[in-house]
Amino acid sequence: MAGERILIVEDEEDIQELLRYNLAQEGYRISSVFTAEEGLQQCLSDAPDLVLLDLMLPGMDGLAFCQQLKQDPATRNIPVIMVTAKDVGAKIQADMKLEADDYISKPFSVDHLLNTVRTVLDRRANGHVKE
């Protein structure tokens, strides 16, 4: 299943490019932004099928982005995969599990990234969305 639209919200250009390249190679249509605020605007104007979201962003962080996305009826069904630094505390991991549909720790393997994206998109296609 490819062709779905994925929005990448990531402030590190190298990681954003790595994500863009590998997802595009699988046939996904990619757009990307550097801030949560830009990501929210993009979700409201042209809802993607999935958001890959960095936890640590300038300004609004990934958890606040997720909370706003999930509270808005227009965007609440957009699945979110949080991409985060490997060493996060138990509280942040618990918060991510509450807000996001899944998460990936940095550094990540491309295979793990692609498998997680496919799994979350499959769940969405089968009507299993987190609200």
Protein backbone atom coordinates (compact mmCIF):
# COMPACT_ATOMS: atom_id res chain seq x y z
CA MET A 1 0.00 0.00 0.00
CA ALA A 2 1.70 3.16 -1.18
CA GLY A 3 0.68 6.57 -2.43
CA GLU A 4 -0.52 7.74 0.97
CA ARG A 5 0.40 11.27 1.97
CA ILE A 6 2.82 11.57 4.87
CA LEU A 7 3.67 14.82 6.63
CA ILE A 8 7.08 14.95 8.31
CA VAL A 9 7.41 17.45 11.16
CA GLU A 10 11.13 17.47 11.94
CA ASP A 11 13.47 20.38 12.68
CA GLU A 12 16.73 18.58 11.85
CA GLU A 13 17.29 18.90 8.12
CA ASP A 14 19.42 15.73 7.81
CA ILE A 15 16.81 13.55 9.54
CA GLN A 16 14.02 15.17 7.56
CA GLU A 17 15.86 14.37 4.32
CA LEU A 18 16.54 10.76 5.42
CA LEU A 19 12.84 10.28 6.18
CA ARG A 20 11.75 11.97 2.93
CA TYR A 21 14.07 9.91 0.77
CA ASN A 22 13.26 6.50 2.25
CA LEU A 23 9.51 7.05 2.36
CA ALA A 24 9.45 8.42 -1.20
CA GLN A 25 11.35 5.31 -2.34
CA GLU A 26 8.40 3.27 -1.05
CA GLY A 27 5.93 5.34 -3.09
CA TYR A 28 4.58 7.60 -0.35
CA ARG A 29 3.85 11.23 -1.20
CA ILE A 30 5.84 13.36 1.21
CA SER A 31 5.60 16.89 2.50
CA SER A 32 7.66 18.27 5.34
CA VAL A 33 7.85 21.21 7.70
CA PHE A 34 10.28 22.29 10.41
CA THR A 35 7.88 23.37 13.21
CA ALA A 36 4.79 22.05 14.95
CA GLU A 37 2.93 25.23 14.16
CA GLU A 38 3.55 24.73 10.42
CA GLY A 39 2.53 21.09 10.80
CA LEU A 40 -0.80 21.97 12.40
CA GLN A 41 -1.55 24.45 9.62
CA GLN A 42 -0.72 21.83 7.00
CA CYS A 43 -2.95 19.25 8.72
CA LEU A 44 -5.85 21.69 8.78
CA SER A 45 -5.46 22.81 5.17
CA ASP A 46 -4.64 19.44 3.55
CA ALA A 47 -4.93 16.54 6.00
CA PRO A 48 -2.24 13.90 5.43
CA ASP A 49 -2.78 10.17 5.88
CA LEU A 50 -0.05 10.05 8.54
CA VAL A 51 2.22 12.41 10.48
CA LEU A 52 5.79 11.55 11.44
CA LEU A 53 6.48 13.90 14.32
CA ASP A 54 9.67 14.79 16.14
CA LEU A 55 9.18 15.09 19.90
CA MET A 56 11.69 17.91 20.49
CA LEU A 57 10.79 20.84 18.25
CA PRO A 58 11.44 24.58 18.60
CA GLY A 59 8.40 26.36 20.02
CA MET A 60 5.56 23.89 20.45
CA ASP A 61 6.85 20.37 21.17
CA GLY A 62 5.57 17.13 19.69
CA LEU A 63 3.33 16.22 22.62
CA ALA A 64 1.54 19.58 22.48
CA PHE A 65 1.17 19.15 18.70
CA CYS A 66 -0.39 15.71 19.23
CA GLN A 67 -2.78 17.01 21.86
CA GLN A 68 -3.99 19.82 19.60
CA LEU A 69 -4.28 17.51 16.60
CA LYS A 70 -6.31 14.92 18.54
CA GLN A 71 -8.62 17.53 20.13
CA ASP A 72 -9.72 18.99 16.79
CA PRO A 73 -12.58 17.01 15.15
CA ALA A 74 -11.15 17.88 11.72
CA THR A 75 -7.77 16.25 12.47
CA ARG A 76 -8.30 13.79 15.33
CA ASN A 77 -8.25 10.72 13.09
CA ILE A 78 -4.87 11.49 11.52
CA PRO A 79 -2.45 8.88 12.87
CA VAL A 80 0.79 10.13 14.40
CA ILE A 81 4.10 8.33 14.77
CA MET A 82 6.37 10.13 17.23
CA VAL A 83 10.08 10.07 16.39
CA THR A 84 12.18 10.73 19.45
CA ALA A 85 15.65 10.60 20.94
CA LYS A 86 16.53 7.20 22.37
CA ASP A 87 17.00 8.32 25.97
CA VAL A 88 13.61 9.61 27.04
CA GLY A 89 12.25 9.05 30.51
CA ALA A 90 9.43 6.72 31.43
CA LYS A 91 6.97 9.62 31.88
CA ILE A 92 7.60 10.93 28.37
CA GLN A 93 7.28 7.42 26.93
CA ALA A 94 3.95 7.01 28.72
CA ASP A 95 2.77 10.41 27.44
CA MET A 96 3.79 9.51 23.89
CA LYS A 97 1.82 6.26 24.07
CA LEU A 98 -1.25 8.20 25.21
CA GLU A 99 -1.00 10.86 22.50
CA ALA A 100 0.60 9.14 19.51
CA ASP A 101 -0.42 6.03 17.59
CA ASP A 102 3.14 4.67 17.75
CA TYR A 103 6.67 5.88 18.26
CA ILE A 104 10.16 5.25 16.93
CA SER A 105 13.36 5.91 18.86
CA LYS A 106 16.32 7.67 17.25
CA PRO A 107 18.56 6.32 15.93
CA PHE A 108 16.26 4.04 13.98
CA SER A 109 16.71 1.53 11.19
CA VAL A 110 15.02 2.29 7.89
CA ASP A 111 13.35 -1.15 7.98
CA HIS A 112 11.85 -0.43 11.40
CA LEU A 113 10.64 2.97 10.20
CA LEU A 114 8.98 1.52 7.11
CA ASN A 115 7.40 -1.37 9.04
CA THR A 116 5.97 1.02 11.63
CA VAL A 117 4.59 3.33 8.95
CA ARG A 118 2.95 0.38 7.14
CA THR A 119 1.48 -0.99 10.38
CA VAL A 120 -0.05 2.34 11.41
CA LEU A 121 -1.43 2.99 7.92
CA ASP A 122 -2.88 -0.54 7.80
CA ARG A 123 -4.59 0.04 11.15
CA ARG A 124 -6.05 3.30 9.81
CA ALA A 125 -7.24 1.60 6.61
CA ASN A 126 -8.98 -1.04 8.73
CA GLY A 127 -10.73 1.58 10.84
CA HIS A 128 -8.55 1.22 13.93
CA VAL A 129 -7.70 4.82 14.75
CA LYS A 130 -6.77 6.27 18.09
CA GLU A 131 -9.06 9.03 19.32
